[in-house]
Amino acid sequence: MFRTAVLVCVCAAAAVVPFAAASPARAGIEEIDYATYEAKITDKKGVTTEVSDLGYATGANILLAYRGEAEVEIPFRLIRTIEIGDYVAEQRRAPVTVVLRSGRSVALEIDSIEEGRLLKGKAEFGEYRIRTGKIRRLELLSLSHTDRA
């Protein structure tokens, strides 16, 4: 009986190992996710501003959103543009279209917490701060800095 149980466990473990090795590892937050960006921002009033050193005021530069019922986290390093629609009170979310650097377009939604996150950077005329929910379009042009300042 004992040998049968051990054999079953060893066979079961051997069957699982190839699948575990083939599955992708979770990306997690990398140091580059604290990097800042050269960007072009168009706000809800249609005013476009070019900024440098753009990033979230706190935390990593990762967009927190929803795809259907799933929660997703997309690092800025993978994003080319973000277009944010108007907040829909009944759904308590705003529609978002993200175009990845690969060219693929992803339909998402953000909630009021993500809309309230503060982005900051430097414009030609001084400091620039804007809440995500006040942005119509965000185009990430290139990296500004990769150190955590």
N, C-alpha and C. Protein backbone atom coordinates (compact mmCIF):
# COMPACT_ATOMS: atom_id res chain seq x y z
N MET A 1 0.82 -1.19 0.00
CA MET A 1 0.00 0.00 0.00
C MET A 1 0.87 1.26 0.00
N PHE A 2 1.90 1.28 0.85
CA PHE A 2 2.77 2.44 0.94
C PHE A 2 3.50 2.68 -0.38
N ARG A 3 3.99 1.61 -1.02
CA ARG A 3 4.70 1.75 -2.30
C ARG A 3 3.76 2.27 -3.38
N THR A 4 2.52 1.84 -3.35
CA THR A 4 1.55 2.30 -4.34
C THR A 4 1.29 3.80 -4.18
N ALA A 5 1.15 4.26 -2.94
CA ALA A 5 0.90 5.68 -2.68
C ALA A 5 2.09 6.53 -3.12
N VAL A 6 3.32 6.05 -2.84
CA VAL A 6 4.52 6.79 -3.24
C VAL A 6 4.61 6.84 -4.75
N LEU A 7 4.34 5.73 -5.42
CA LEU A 7 4.40 5.68 -6.87
C LEU A 7 3.38 6.61 -7.51
N VAL A 8 2.18 6.66 -6.93
CA VAL A 8 1.14 7.56 -7.43
C VAL A 8 1.58 9.01 -7.27
N CYS A 9 2.15 9.35 -6.13
CA CYS A 9 2.60 10.73 -5.88
C CYS A 9 3.73 11.11 -6.83
N VAL A 10 4.71 10.21 -7.03
CA VAL A 10 5.83 10.50 -7.91
C VAL A 10 5.34 10.67 -9.35
N CYS A 11 4.42 9.82 -9.79
CA CYS A 11 3.88 9.93 -11.15
C CYS A 11 3.09 11.22 -11.32
N ALA A 12 2.31 11.57 -10.32
CA ALA A 12 1.53 12.80 -10.39
C ALA A 12 2.45 14.02 -10.44
N ALA A 13 3.49 14.01 -9.64
CA ALA A 13 4.44 15.14 -9.65
C ALA A 13 5.17 15.22 -10.98
N ALA A 14 5.56 14.09 -11.54
CA ALA A 14 6.25 14.09 -12.83
C ALA A 14 5.34 14.59 -13.94
N ALA A 15 4.05 14.33 -13.83
CA ALA A 15 3.10 14.79 -14.84
C ALA A 15 2.89 16.29 -14.77
N VAL A 16 3.02 16.87 -13.59
CA VAL A 16 2.78 18.31 -13.40
C VAL A 16 4.00 19.14 -13.80
N VAL A 17 5.20 18.64 -13.59
CA VAL A 17 6.43 19.41 -13.82
C VAL A 17 6.53 19.98 -15.23
N PRO A 18 6.28 19.23 -16.31
CA PRO A 18 6.40 19.82 -17.64
C PRO A 18 5.45 20.99 -17.86
N PHE A 19 4.25 20.94 -17.29
CA PHE A 19 3.30 22.02 -17.45
C PHE A 19 3.73 23.25 -16.67
N ALA A 20 4.27 23.07 -15.48
CA ALA A 20 4.73 24.20 -14.68
C ALA A 20 5.89 24.90 -15.37
N ALA A 21 6.79 24.14 -15.97
CA ALA A 21 7.94 24.73 -16.64
C ALA A 21 7.52 25.49 -17.89
N ALA A 22 6.44 25.05 -18.54
CA ALA A 22 6.01 25.68 -19.79
C ALA A 22 5.16 26.92 -19.56
N SER A 23 4.56 27.08 -18.37
CA SER A 23 3.68 28.22 -18.14
C SER A 23 4.51 29.48 -17.91
N PRO A 24 4.02 30.64 -18.38
CA PRO A 24 4.79 31.88 -18.21
C PRO A 24 4.81 32.34 -16.76
N ALA A 25 5.91 32.93 -16.36
CA ALA A 25 6.03 33.46 -15.00
C ALA A 25 5.30 34.79 -14.93
N ARG A 26 4.82 35.14 -13.75
CA ARG A 26 4.15 36.42 -13.56
C ARG A 26 5.19 37.52 -13.65
N ALA A 27 4.88 38.54 -14.42
CA ALA A 27 5.85 39.60 -14.68
C ALA A 27 6.22 40.37 -13.43
N GLY A 28 5.24 40.78 -12.64
CA GLY A 28 5.53 41.57 -11.46
C GLY A 28 6.02 42.96 -11.80
N ILE A 29 6.40 43.69 -10.79
CA ILE A 29 6.89 45.05 -11.00
C ILE A 29 8.41 44.99 -11.16
N GLU A 30 8.89 45.64 -12.21
CA GLU A 30 10.32 45.70 -12.47
C GLU A 30 10.80 47.12 -12.19
N GLU A 31 12.08 47.28 -12.03
CA GLU A 31 12.66 48.61 -11.76
C GLU A 31 12.28 49.61 -12.85
N ILE A 32 12.21 49.16 -14.10
CA ILE A 32 11.86 50.04 -15.22
C ILE A 32 10.44 50.62 -15.06
N ASP A 33 9.60 49.98 -14.26
CA ASP A 33 8.24 50.47 -14.07
C ASP A 33 8.18 51.74 -13.22
N TYR A 34 9.33 52.16 -12.69
CA TYR A 34 9.41 53.44 -11.99
C TYR A 34 10.03 54.52 -12.87
N ALA A 35 10.36 54.17 -14.10
CA ALA A 35 10.94 55.13 -15.04
C ALA A 35 9.91 56.20 -15.40
N THR A 36 10.39 57.36 -15.81
CA THR A 36 9.51 58.43 -16.26
C THR A 36 9.60 58.57 -17.77
N TYR A 37 8.64 59.26 -18.37
CA TYR A 37 8.49 59.29 -19.82
C TYR A 37 8.39 60.69 -20.39
N GLU A 38 8.83 60.83 -21.63
CA GLU A 38 8.51 61.98 -22.46
C GLU A 38 7.11 61.65 -22.99
N ALA A 39 6.19 62.60 -22.92
CA ALA A 39 4.82 62.29 -23.30
C ALA A 39 4.11 63.51 -23.86
N LYS A 40 3.02 63.22 -24.55
CA LYS A 40 2.13 64.26 -25.03
C LYS A 40 0.76 63.95 -24.44
N ILE A 41 0.20 64.93 -23.71
CA ILE A 41 -1.08 64.74 -23.04
C ILE A 41 -2.10 65.70 -23.62
N THR A 42 -3.26 65.15 -23.97
CA THR A 42 -4.40 65.98 -24.36
C THR A 42 -5.45 65.81 -23.27
N ASP A 43 -5.83 66.92 -22.63
CA ASP A 43 -6.81 66.82 -21.55
C ASP A 43 -8.24 66.85 -22.10
N LYS A 44 -9.21 66.76 -21.20
CA LYS A 44 -10.62 66.70 -21.59
C LYS A 44 -11.09 68.00 -22.25
N LYS A 45 -10.37 69.10 -22.05
CA LYS A 45 -10.72 70.37 -22.70
C LYS A 45 -10.07 70.51 -24.08
N GLY A 46 -9.27 69.52 -24.46
CA GLY A 46 -8.62 69.56 -25.77
C GLY A 46 -7.27 70.24 -25.78
N VAL A 47 -6.75 70.61 -24.64
CA VAL A 47 -5.45 71.26 -24.54
C VAL A 47 -4.36 70.20 -24.55
N THR A 48 -3.40 70.33 -25.48
CA THR A 48 -2.30 69.37 -25.59
C THR A 48 -1.04 69.98 -25.01
N THR A 49 -0.35 69.19 -24.17
CA THR A 49 0.87 69.63 -23.52
C THR A 49 1.93 68.54 -23.64
N GLU A 50 3.15 68.94 -24.02
CA GLU A 50 4.27 68.01 -24.04
C GLU A 50 4.97 68.11 -22.69
N VAL A 51 5.26 66.95 -22.10
CA VAL A 51 5.90 66.91 -20.79
C VAL A 51 7.05 65.92 -20.80
N SER A 52 7.97 66.14 -19.88
CA SER A 52 9.05 65.18 -19.64
C SER A 52 8.92 64.70 -18.21
N ASP A 53 9.63 63.65 -17.89
CA ASP A 53 9.62 63.08 -16.53
C ASP A 53 8.21 62.74 -16.05
N LEU A 54 7.36 62.28 -16.95
CA LEU A 54 5.98 61.96 -16.58
C LEU A 54 5.89 60.59 -15.93
N GLY A 55 5.16 60.56 -14.83
CA GLY A 55 4.89 59.31 -14.13
C GLY A 55 3.88 59.55 -13.03
N TYR A 56 3.38 58.47 -12.44
CA TYR A 56 2.46 58.62 -11.32
C TYR A 56 3.19 59.25 -10.15
N ALA A 57 2.50 60.08 -9.39
CA ALA A 57 3.11 60.76 -8.24
C ALA A 57 3.57 59.74 -7.19
N THR A 58 2.84 58.63 -7.06
CA THR A 58 3.21 57.58 -6.12
C THR A 58 3.09 56.22 -6.81
N GLY A 59 3.99 55.34 -6.49
CA GLY A 59 3.92 53.98 -7.01
C GLY A 59 4.50 53.82 -8.41
N ALA A 60 4.41 52.60 -8.89
CA ALA A 60 4.95 52.25 -10.21
C ALA A 60 4.03 52.79 -11.30
N ASN A 61 4.59 52.99 -12.48
CA ASN A 61 3.84 53.48 -13.63
C ASN A 61 3.17 52.30 -14.33
N ILE A 62 2.07 51.88 -13.74
CA ILE A 62 1.30 50.75 -14.22
C ILE A 62 -0.18 51.15 -14.24
N LEU A 63 -0.82 51.01 -15.39
CA LEU A 63 -2.24 51.31 -15.52
C LEU A 63 -3.04 50.16 -14.91
N LEU A 64 -3.90 50.50 -13.95
CA LEU A 64 -4.78 49.52 -13.30
C LEU A 64 -6.15 49.65 -13.95
N ALA A 65 -6.63 48.57 -14.57
CA ALA A 65 -7.86 48.65 -15.35
C ALA A 65 -8.63 47.33 -15.27
N TYR A 66 -9.74 47.30 -15.99
CA TYR A 66 -10.57 46.10 -16.07
C TYR A 66 -10.73 45.70 -17.53
N ARG A 67 -10.72 44.40 -17.77
CA ARG A 67 -11.03 43.84 -19.08
C ARG A 67 -12.14 42.84 -18.81
N GLY A 68 -13.38 43.24 -19.13
CA GLY A 68 -14.52 42.43 -18.73
C GLY A 68 -14.61 42.44 -17.21
N GLU A 69 -14.65 41.29 -16.62
CA GLU A 69 -14.69 41.18 -15.16
C GLU A 69 -13.30 41.04 -14.53
N ALA A 70 -12.28 40.91 -15.37
CA ALA A 70 -10.92 40.72 -14.87
C ALA A 70 -10.24 42.05 -14.58
N GLU A 71 -9.38 42.04 -13.57
CA GLU A 71 -8.53 43.18 -13.28
C GLU A 71 -7.22 42.97 -14.02
N VAL A 72 -6.71 44.01 -14.68
CA VAL A 72 -5.45 43.92 -15.40
C VAL A 72 -4.52 45.05 -14.99
N GLU A 73 -3.24 44.79 -15.08
CA GLU A 73 -2.21 45.79 -14.81
C GLU A 73 -1.31 45.85 -16.03
N ILE A 74 -1.24 47.03 -16.65
CA ILE A 74 -0.41 47.17 -17.84
C ILE A 74 0.69 48.20 -17.56
N PRO A 75 1.94 47.77 -17.54
CA PRO A 75 3.04 48.70 -17.31
C PRO A 75 3.15 49.72 -18.44
N PHE A 76 3.48 50.95 -18.11
CA PHE A 76 3.67 51.99 -19.12
C PHE A 76 4.68 51.56 -20.18
N ARG A 77 5.67 50.74 -19.81
CA ARG A 77 6.71 50.32 -20.75
C ARG A 77 6.14 49.55 -21.94
N LEU A 78 4.91 49.03 -21.79
CA LEU A 78 4.27 48.29 -22.87
C LEU A 78 3.27 49.13 -23.67
N ILE A 79 3.04 50.37 -23.22
CA ILE A 79 1.97 51.21 -23.79
C ILE A 79 2.52 52.27 -24.73
N ARG A 80 1.84 52.43 -25.87
CA ARG A 80 2.13 53.53 -26.79
C ARG A 80 1.17 54.69 -26.52
N THR A 81 -0.15 54.39 -26.51
CA THR A 81 -1.15 55.44 -26.23
C THR A 81 -2.26 54.91 -25.34
N ILE A 82 -2.88 55.85 -24.62
CA ILE A 82 -4.06 55.57 -23.81
C ILE A 82 -5.10 56.62 -24.17
N GLU A 83 -6.29 56.17 -24.56
CA GLU A 83 -7.40 57.10 -24.82
C GLU A 83 -8.50 56.79 -23.82
N ILE A 84 -8.94 57.83 -23.11
CA ILE A 84 -9.92 57.66 -22.04
C ILE A 84 -11.22 58.34 -22.41
N GLY A 85 -12.31 57.58 -22.38
CA GLY A 85 -13.63 58.13 -22.66
C GLY A 85 -14.24 58.76 -21.42
N ASP A 86 -15.48 59.20 -21.54
CA ASP A 86 -16.18 59.82 -20.42
C ASP A 86 -16.64 58.77 -19.42
N TYR A 87 -16.59 59.13 -18.16
CA TYR A 87 -17.02 58.27 -17.06
C TYR A 87 -18.50 57.97 -17.19
N VAL A 88 -18.88 56.69 -17.06
CA VAL A 88 -20.28 56.27 -17.13
C VAL A 88 -20.73 55.94 -15.71
N ALA A 89 -21.55 56.81 -15.13
CA ALA A 89 -21.94 56.68 -13.73
C ALA A 89 -22.63 55.35 -13.42
N GLU A 90 -23.49 54.88 -14.33
CA GLU A 90 -24.22 53.64 -14.08
C GLU A 90 -23.28 52.44 -13.95
N GLN A 91 -22.20 52.46 -14.71
CA GLN A 91 -21.22 51.36 -14.66
C GLN A 91 -20.09 51.64 -13.68
N ARG A 92 -20.00 52.89 -13.24
CA ARG A 92 -18.94 53.36 -12.35
C ARG A 92 -17.56 53.14 -12.95
N ARG A 93 -17.49 53.28 -14.29
CA ARG A 93 -16.22 53.10 -15.00
C ARG A 93 -16.19 53.99 -16.24
N ALA A 94 -14.98 54.21 -16.73
CA ALA A 94 -14.79 54.95 -17.98
C ALA A 94 -14.13 54.02 -18.99
N PRO A 95 -14.58 54.05 -20.25
CA PRO A 95 -13.96 53.21 -21.27
C PRO A 95 -12.56 53.72 -21.62
N VAL A 96 -11.66 52.80 -21.89
CA VAL A 96 -10.27 53.13 -22.21
C VAL A 96 -9.82 52.25 -23.37
N THR A 97 -9.10 52.86 -24.30
CA THR A 97 -8.46 52.10 -25.36
C THR A 97 -6.96 52.28 -25.20
N VAL A 98 -6.26 51.17 -25.05
CA VAL A 98 -4.81 51.19 -24.93
C VAL A 98 -4.22 50.59 -26.20
N VAL A 99 -3.29 51.31 -26.80
CA VAL A 99 -2.54 50.75 -27.93
C VAL A 99 -1.16 50.41 -27.38
N LEU A 100 -0.84 49.14 -27.48
CA LEU A 100 0.44 48.66 -26.97
C LEU A 100 1.56 49.00 -27.95
N ARG A 101 2.79 48.95 -27.50
CA ARG A 101 3.94 49.21 -28.37
C ARG A 101 4.00 48.19 -29.50
N SER A 102 3.40 47.03 -29.30
CA SER A 102 3.34 46.00 -30.34
C SER A 102 2.37 46.36 -31.45
N GLY A 103 1.52 47.39 -31.21
CA GLY A 103 0.51 47.80 -32.18
C GLY A 103 -0.87 47.26 -31.88
N ARG A 104 -0.97 46.32 -30.96
CA ARG A 104 -2.25 45.73 -30.60
C ARG A 104 -3.08 46.71 -29.77
N SER A 105 -4.37 46.78 -30.06
CA SER A 105 -5.29 47.65 -29.35
C SER A 105 -6.09 46.81 -28.35
N VAL A 106 -6.23 47.32 -27.12
CA VAL A 106 -6.93 46.60 -26.07
C VAL A 106 -8.02 47.50 -25.48
N ALA A 107 -9.26 47.01 -25.46
CA ALA A 107 -10.39 47.74 -24.87
C ALA A 107 -10.46 47.41 -23.38
N LEU A 108 -10.46 48.46 -22.57
CA LEU A 108 -10.47 48.31 -21.12
C LEU A 108 -11.45 49.30 -20.51
N GLU A 109 -11.54 49.26 -19.18
CA GLU A 109 -12.28 50.26 -18.42
C GLU A 109 -11.46 50.60 -17.19
N ILE A 110 -11.58 51.85 -16.71
CA ILE A 110 -10.97 52.22 -15.43
C ILE A 110 -12.06 52.70 -14.49
N ASP A 111 -11.81 52.52 -13.20
CA ASP A 111 -12.78 52.97 -12.20
C ASP A 111 -12.38 54.33 -11.65
N SER A 112 -13.17 54.83 -10.71
CA SER A 112 -12.93 56.17 -10.18
C SER A 112 -11.62 56.26 -9.39
N ILE A 113 -11.15 55.15 -8.85
CA ILE A 113 -9.88 55.17 -8.13
C ILE A 113 -8.74 55.44 -9.10
N GLU A 114 -8.74 54.74 -10.23
CA GLU A 114 -7.70 54.97 -11.24
C GLU A 114 -7.83 56.36 -11.85
N GLU A 115 -9.08 56.81 -12.04
CA GLU A 115 -9.29 58.16 -12.58
C GLU A 115 -8.70 59.22 -11.66
N GLY A 116 -8.66 58.95 -10.36
CA GLY A 116 -8.16 59.91 -9.40
C GLY A 116 -6.65 59.91 -9.21
N ARG A 117 -5.96 58.94 -9.81
CA ARG A 117 -4.50 58.88 -9.65
C ARG A 117 -3.83 60.09 -10.31
N LEU A 118 -2.85 60.63 -9.62
CA LEU A 118 -2.17 61.84 -10.06
C LEU A 118 -0.91 61.52 -10.85
N LEU A 119 -0.83 62.08 -12.06
CA LEU A 119 0.37 62.02 -12.88
C LEU A 119 1.09 63.36 -12.74
N LYS A 120 2.40 63.32 -12.72
CA LYS A 120 3.15 64.57 -12.67
C LYS A 120 4.33 64.50 -13.61
N GLY A 121 4.73 65.67 -14.09
CA GLY A 121 5.85 65.77 -15.00
C GLY A 121 6.31 67.20 -15.07
N LYS A 122 7.15 67.48 -16.06
CA LYS A 122 7.69 68.82 -16.25
C LYS A 122 7.34 69.30 -17.64
N ALA A 123 6.69 70.44 -17.71
CA ALA A 123 6.39 71.08 -19.00
C ALA A 123 7.41 72.20 -19.22
N GLU A 124 7.43 72.72 -20.42
CA GLU A 124 8.35 73.81 -20.75
C GLU A 124 8.16 75.02 -19.82
N PHE A 125 6.94 75.19 -19.33
CA PHE A 125 6.61 76.35 -18.50
C PHE A 125 6.61 76.06 -17.01
N GLY A 126 6.93 74.85 -16.59
CA GLY A 126 6.99 74.52 -15.16
C GLY A 126 6.41 73.15 -14.84
N GLU A 127 6.15 72.93 -13.56
CA GLU A 127 5.60 71.65 -13.10
C GLU A 127 4.22 71.41 -13.70
N TYR A 128 3.93 70.14 -13.98
CA TYR A 128 2.67 69.76 -14.60
C TYR A 128 2.08 68.59 -13.81
N ARG A 129 0.84 68.73 -13.36
CA ARG A 129 0.15 67.68 -12.62
C ARG A 129 -1.27 67.54 -13.17
N ILE A 130 -1.72 66.29 -13.36
CA ILE A 130 -3.07 66.06 -13.86
C ILE A 130 -3.56 64.70 -13.36
N ARG A 131 -4.83 64.64 -13.02
CA ARG A 131 -5.46 63.37 -12.62
C ARG A 131 -5.76 62.58 -13.89
N THR A 132 -5.64 61.27 -13.80
CA THR A 132 -5.87 60.41 -14.96
C THR A 132 -7.24 60.66 -15.58
N GLY A 133 -8.25 60.88 -14.77
CA GLY A 133 -9.61 61.10 -15.26
C GLY A 133 -9.81 62.39 -16.03
N LYS A 134 -8.84 63.29 -15.98
CA LYS A 134 -8.91 64.56 -16.72
C LYS A 134 -8.21 64.47 -18.08
N ILE A 135 -7.68 63.28 -18.39
CA ILE A 135 -6.95 63.07 -19.64
C ILE A 135 -7.87 62.46 -20.69
N ARG A 136 -7.78 62.98 -21.90
CA ARG A 136 -8.48 62.39 -23.04
C ARG A 136 -7.54 61.41 -23.76
N ARG A 137 -6.28 61.85 -23.96
CA ARG A 137 -5.30 61.01 -24.67
C ARG A 137 -3.92 61.21 -24.06
N LEU A 138 -3.22 60.11 -23.85
CA LEU A 138 -1.86 60.13 -23.35
C LEU A 138 -0.99 59.33 -24.32
N GLU A 139 0.00 60.00 -24.87
CA GLU A 139 0.92 59.34 -25.80
C GLU A 139 2.29 59.29 -25.13
N LEU A 140 2.78 58.08 -24.87
CA LEU A 140 4.09 57.90 -24.26
C LEU A 140 5.12 57.82 -25.37
N LEU A 141 5.95 58.85 -25.49
CA LEU A 141 6.88 58.99 -26.61
C LEU A 141 8.17 58.21 -26.41
N SER A 142 8.79 58.38 -25.25
CA SER A 142 10.05 57.68 -24.97
C SER A 142 10.35 57.79 -23.48
N LEU A 143 11.35 57.07 -23.04
CA LEU A 143 11.78 57.16 -21.63
C LEU A 143 12.47 58.48 -21.38
N SER A 144 12.22 59.08 -20.22
CA SER A 144 12.96 60.28 -19.77
C SER A 144 14.10 59.85 -18.89
N HIS A 145 13.74 59.16 -17.79
CA HIS A 145 14.73 58.72 -16.80
C HIS A 145 14.33 57.35 -16.30
N THR A 146 15.32 56.57 -15.93
CA THR A 146 15.04 55.24 -15.41
C THR A 146 15.35 55.11 -13.93
N ASP A 147 15.89 56.16 -13.30
CA ASP A 147 16.15 56.08 -11.87
C ASP A 147 14.93 56.53 -11.09
N ARG A 148 14.80 56.02 -9.86
CA ARG A 148 13.67 56.38 -8.99
C ARG A 148 14.03 57.66 -8.27
N ALA A 149 13.47 58.77 -8.73
CA ALA A 149 13.80 60.06 -8.10
C ALA A 149 12.74 60.42 -7.09
